[in-house]
Amino acid sequence: MRTSANGRLTCAAAVATIGAHDAEAAMATYRYRCETDGPHEVARPIGTAEETLDCPECGAAMPRVFAAPMLALGSASARSLIERTERSRERPDVVSAPPPTSGRRAGPAADPAWSQLPRP
């Protein structure tokens, strides 16, 4: 395992330490940001991400960046709801009239006690 002069894992070494025995483990993508080279992503087993890694390009310490989870892997109905919510943030749907009725009004719920009441 390669480490930098300050003892932290390098980005390339972090990726290389994932062996075949970890192939069955659930993998997560962790994001790190270098001040000079920008963002880098590293795939690691869940819960094994370090707080900082060394940048593979310049060797500077990269702190871990927290981002939203990958929601695209959710159910279709959840994705649809998220997409509708995102669209309505900038361009909400405008209602010009109430929705049409089916023509039949729903009466009061059928309660057996009501049959004992006098009819008009």
C-alpha atoms as a PDB file:
ATOM      1  CA  MET A   1       0.000   0.000   0.000  1.00  0.00           C
ATOM      2  CA  ARG A   2       1.450   3.339  -1.075  1.00  0.00           C
ATOM      3  CA  THR A   3       1.315   6.285   1.258  1.00  0.00           C
ATOM      4  CA  SER A   4       2.580   9.811   0.927  1.00  0.00           C
ATOM      5  CA  ALA A   5       5.348  11.395   2.972  1.00  0.00           C
ATOM      6  CA  ASN A   6       2.831  12.416   5.639  1.00  0.00           C
ATOM      7  CA  GLY A   7       1.470   8.869   6.013  1.00  0.00           C
ATOM      8  CA  ARG A   8      -1.880   9.310   4.261  1.00  0.00           C
ATOM      9  CA  LEU A   9      -3.082   6.981   1.525  1.00  0.00           C
ATOM     10  CA  THR A  10      -2.736   8.291  -1.995  1.00  0.00           C
ATOM     11  CA  CYS A  11      -5.815   8.241  -4.193  1.00  0.00           C
ATOM     12  CA  ALA A  12      -4.328   5.554  -6.453  1.00  0.00           C
ATOM     13  CA  ALA A  13      -3.332   3.446  -3.439  1.00  0.00           C
ATOM     14  CA  ALA A  14      -6.811   3.727  -1.985  1.00  0.00           C
ATOM     15  CA  VAL A  15      -8.287   2.350  -5.201  1.00  0.00           C
ATOM     16  CA  ALA A  16      -5.623  -0.389  -5.388  1.00  0.00           C
ATOM     17  CA  THR A  17      -6.339  -1.617  -1.851  1.00  0.00           C
ATOM     18  CA  ILE A  18      -9.775  -2.802  -2.905  1.00  0.00           C
ATOM     19  CA  GLY A  19      -9.126  -6.434  -3.621  1.00  0.00           C
ATOM     20  CA  ALA A  20     -11.156  -9.260  -5.092  1.00  0.00           C
ATOM     21  CA  HIS A  21     -12.222 -10.318  -1.590  1.00  0.00           C
ATOM     22  CA  ASP A  22     -14.105  -7.025  -1.257  1.00  0.00           C
ATOM     23  CA  ALA A  23     -15.939  -7.489  -4.561  1.00  0.00           C
ATOM     24  CA  GLU A  24     -19.026  -8.754  -2.754  1.00  0.00           C
ATOM     25  CA  ALA A  25     -19.029  -5.826  -0.304  1.00  0.00           C
ATOM     26  CA  ALA A  26     -21.317  -2.913  -1.063  1.00  0.00           C
ATOM     27  CA  MET A  27     -19.309  -0.197  -2.778  1.00  0.00           C
ATOM     28  CA  ALA A  28     -19.826   3.536  -2.416  1.00  0.00           C
ATOM     29  CA  THR A  29     -18.317   6.408  -4.360  1.00  0.00           C
ATOM     30  CA  TYR A  30     -16.603   8.936  -2.125  1.00  0.00           C
ATOM     31  CA  ARG A  31     -15.740  12.399  -3.383  1.00  0.00           C
ATOM     32  CA  TYR A  32     -12.629  14.376  -2.498  1.00  0.00           C
ATOM     33  CA  ARG A  33     -11.726  17.891  -3.652  1.00  0.00           C
ATOM     34  CA  CYS A  34      -8.217  19.137  -4.367  1.00  0.00           C
ATOM     35  CA  GLU A  35      -7.738  22.903  -4.162  1.00  0.00           C
ATOM     36  CA  THR A  36      -5.713  22.953  -7.396  1.00  0.00           C
ATOM     37  CA  ASP A  37      -6.892  19.932  -9.419  1.00  0.00           C
ATOM     38  CA  GLY A  38     -10.612  19.818  -8.586  1.00  0.00           C
ATOM     39  CA  PRO A  39     -12.815  16.892  -7.585  1.00  0.00           C
ATOM     40  CA  HIS A  40     -11.777  13.230  -7.531  1.00  0.00           C
ATOM     41  CA  GLU A  41     -13.938  10.158  -6.901  1.00  0.00           C
ATOM     42  CA  VAL A  42     -12.822   6.965  -5.183  1.00  0.00           C
ATOM     43  CA  ALA A  43     -14.840   3.722  -4.954  1.00  0.00           C
ATOM     44  CA  ARG A  44     -14.475   2.056  -1.554  1.00  0.00           C
ATOM     45  CA  PRO A  45     -16.495  -0.371   0.555  1.00  0.00           C
ATOM     46  CA  ILE A  46     -19.142   1.426   2.576  1.00  0.00           C
ATOM     47  CA  GLY A  47     -17.771   2.953   5.767  1.00  0.00           C
ATOM     48  CA  THR A  48     -14.088   2.753   4.841  1.00  0.00           C
ATOM     49  CA  ALA A  49     -13.574   6.258   3.430  1.00  0.00           C
ATOM     50  CA  GLU A  50     -10.831   8.337   5.001  1.00  0.00           C
ATOM     51  CA  GLU A  51     -11.222  12.002   5.895  1.00  0.00           C
ATOM     52  CA  THR A  52      -8.372  13.051   3.594  1.00  0.00           C
ATOM     53  CA  LEU A  53      -6.450  11.511   0.696  1.00  0.00           C
ATOM     54  CA  ASP A  54      -3.465  12.817  -1.242  1.00  0.00           C
ATOM     55  CA  CYS A  55      -4.178  14.125  -4.719  1.00  0.00           C
ATOM     56  CA  PRO A  56      -2.819  11.763  -7.400  1.00  0.00           C
ATOM     57  CA  GLU A  57      -1.753  14.726  -9.538  1.00  0.00           C
ATOM     58  CA  CYS A  58      -0.148  17.220  -7.157  1.00  0.00           C
ATOM     59  CA  GLY A  59       0.154  15.315  -3.849  1.00  0.00           C
ATOM     60  CA  ALA A  60      -1.794  17.910  -1.812  1.00  0.00           C
ATOM     61  CA  ALA A  61      -4.217  16.784   0.878  1.00  0.00           C
ATOM     62  CA  MET A  62      -7.786  16.450  -0.418  1.00  0.00           C
ATOM     63  CA  PRO A  63     -10.590  16.687   2.154  1.00  0.00           C
ATOM     64  CA  ARG A  64     -13.645  14.499   1.712  1.00  0.00           C
ATOM     65  CA  VAL A  65     -16.683  16.252   0.227  1.00  0.00           C
ATOM     66  CA  PHE A  66     -20.186  15.226   1.254  1.00  0.00           C
ATOM     67  CA  ALA A  67     -22.791  15.195  -1.520  1.00  0.00           C
ATOM     68  CA  ALA A  68     -26.373  14.072  -2.026  1.00  0.00           C
ATOM     69  CA  PRO A  69     -26.853  10.316  -2.395  1.00  0.00           C
ATOM     70  CA  MET A  70     -27.449   8.799  -5.804  1.00  0.00           C
ATOM     71  CA  LEU A  71     -31.209   8.955  -5.834  1.00  0.00           C
ATOM     72  CA  ALA A  72     -31.457   7.658  -9.390  1.00  0.00           C
ATOM     73  CA  LEU A  73     -31.206   4.135  -8.016  1.00  0.00           C
ATOM     74  CA  GLY A  74     -34.550   4.510  -6.195  1.00  0.00           C
ATOM     75  CA  SER A  75     -37.973   3.427  -7.380  1.00  0.00           C
ATOM     76  CA  ALA A  76     -39.536   4.906 -10.492  1.00  0.00           C
ATOM     77  CA  SER A  77     -42.302   6.610  -8.509  1.00  0.00           C
ATOM     78  CA  ALA A  78     -39.758   8.252  -6.166  1.00  0.00           C
ATOM     79  CA  ARG A  79     -37.683   9.472  -9.135  1.00  0.00           C
ATOM     80  CA  SER A  80     -40.817  10.841 -10.790  1.00  0.00           C
ATOM     81  CA  LEU A  81     -41.788  12.717  -7.637  1.00  0.00           C
ATOM     82  CA  ILE A  82     -38.303  14.196  -7.285  1.00  0.00           C
ATOM     83  CA  GLU A  83     -38.243  15.274 -10.936  1.00  0.00           C
ATOM     84  CA  ARG A  84     -41.702  16.900 -10.667  1.00  0.00           C
ATOM     85  CA  THR A  85     -40.635  18.724  -7.528  1.00  0.00           C
ATOM     86  CA  GLU A  86     -37.450  19.965  -9.192  1.00  0.00           C
ATOM     87  CA  ARG A  87     -39.376  21.178 -12.264  1.00  0.00           C
ATOM     88  CA  SER A  88     -41.994  22.980 -10.199  1.00  0.00           C
ATOM     89  CA  ARG A  89     -39.351  24.898  -8.260  1.00  0.00           C
ATOM     90  CA  GLU A  90     -38.610  27.156 -11.215  1.00  0.00           C
ATOM     91  CA  ARG A  91     -41.766  26.766 -13.320  1.00  0.00           C
ATOM     92  CA  PRO A  92     -44.732  25.806 -11.159  1.00  0.00           C
ATOM     93  CA  ASP A  93     -47.827  24.441 -12.867  1.00  0.00           C
ATOM     94  CA  VAL A  94     -50.507  27.134 -13.064  1.00  0.00           C
ATOM     95  CA  VAL A  95     -54.111  26.057 -12.625  1.00  0.00           C
ATOM     96  CA  SER A  96     -56.611  28.177 -14.553  1.00  0.00           C
ATOM     97  CA  ALA A  97     -59.757  26.285 -13.519  1.00  0.00           C
ATOM     98  CA  PRO A  98     -60.773  23.555 -11.086  1.00  0.00           C
ATOM     99  CA  PRO A  99     -60.664  20.012 -12.446  1.00  0.00           C
ATOM    100  CA  PRO A 100     -63.854  18.805 -14.148  1.00  0.00           C
ATOM    101  CA  THR A 101     -66.298  16.792 -12.072  1.00  0.00           C
ATOM    102  CA  SER A 102     -67.610  13.438 -13.152  1.00  0.00           C
ATOM    103  CA  GLY A 103     -71.204  14.716 -13.050  1.00  0.00           C
ATOM    104  CA  ARG A 104     -72.233  12.605 -10.082  1.00  0.00           C
ATOM    105  CA  ARG A 105     -71.819  14.068  -6.645  1.00  0.00           C
ATOM    106  CA  ALA A 106     -70.811  11.814  -3.843  1.00  0.00           C
ATOM    107  CA  GLY A 107     -73.524  11.674  -1.206  1.00  0.00           C
ATOM    108  CA  PRO A 108     -73.007  11.294   2.498  1.00  0.00           C
ATOM    109  CA  ALA A 109     -71.511   8.067   3.711  1.00  0.00           C
ATOM    110  CA  ALA A 110     -74.051   5.308   4.151  1.00  0.00           C
ATOM    111  CA  ASP A 111     -74.646   4.983   7.873  1.00  0.00           C
ATOM    112  CA  PRO A 112     -77.221   2.410   9.019  1.00  0.00           C
ATOM    113  CA  ALA A 113     -78.453   4.769  11.742  1.00  0.00           C
ATOM    114  CA  TRP A 114     -79.542   7.279   9.074  1.00  0.00           C
ATOM    115  CA  SER A 115     -82.154   4.872   7.751  1.00  0.00           C
ATOM    116  CA  GLN A 116     -84.104   5.416  11.013  1.00  0.00           C
ATOM    117  CA  LEU A 117     -84.370   9.187  10.445  1.00  0.00           C
ATOM    118  CA  PRO A 118     -87.587  10.622   9.001  1.00  0.00           C
ATOM    119  CA  ARG A 119     -87.571  11.469   5.285  1.00  0.00           C
ATOM    120  CA  PRO A 120     -88.626  14.944   4.065  1.00  0.00           C
END
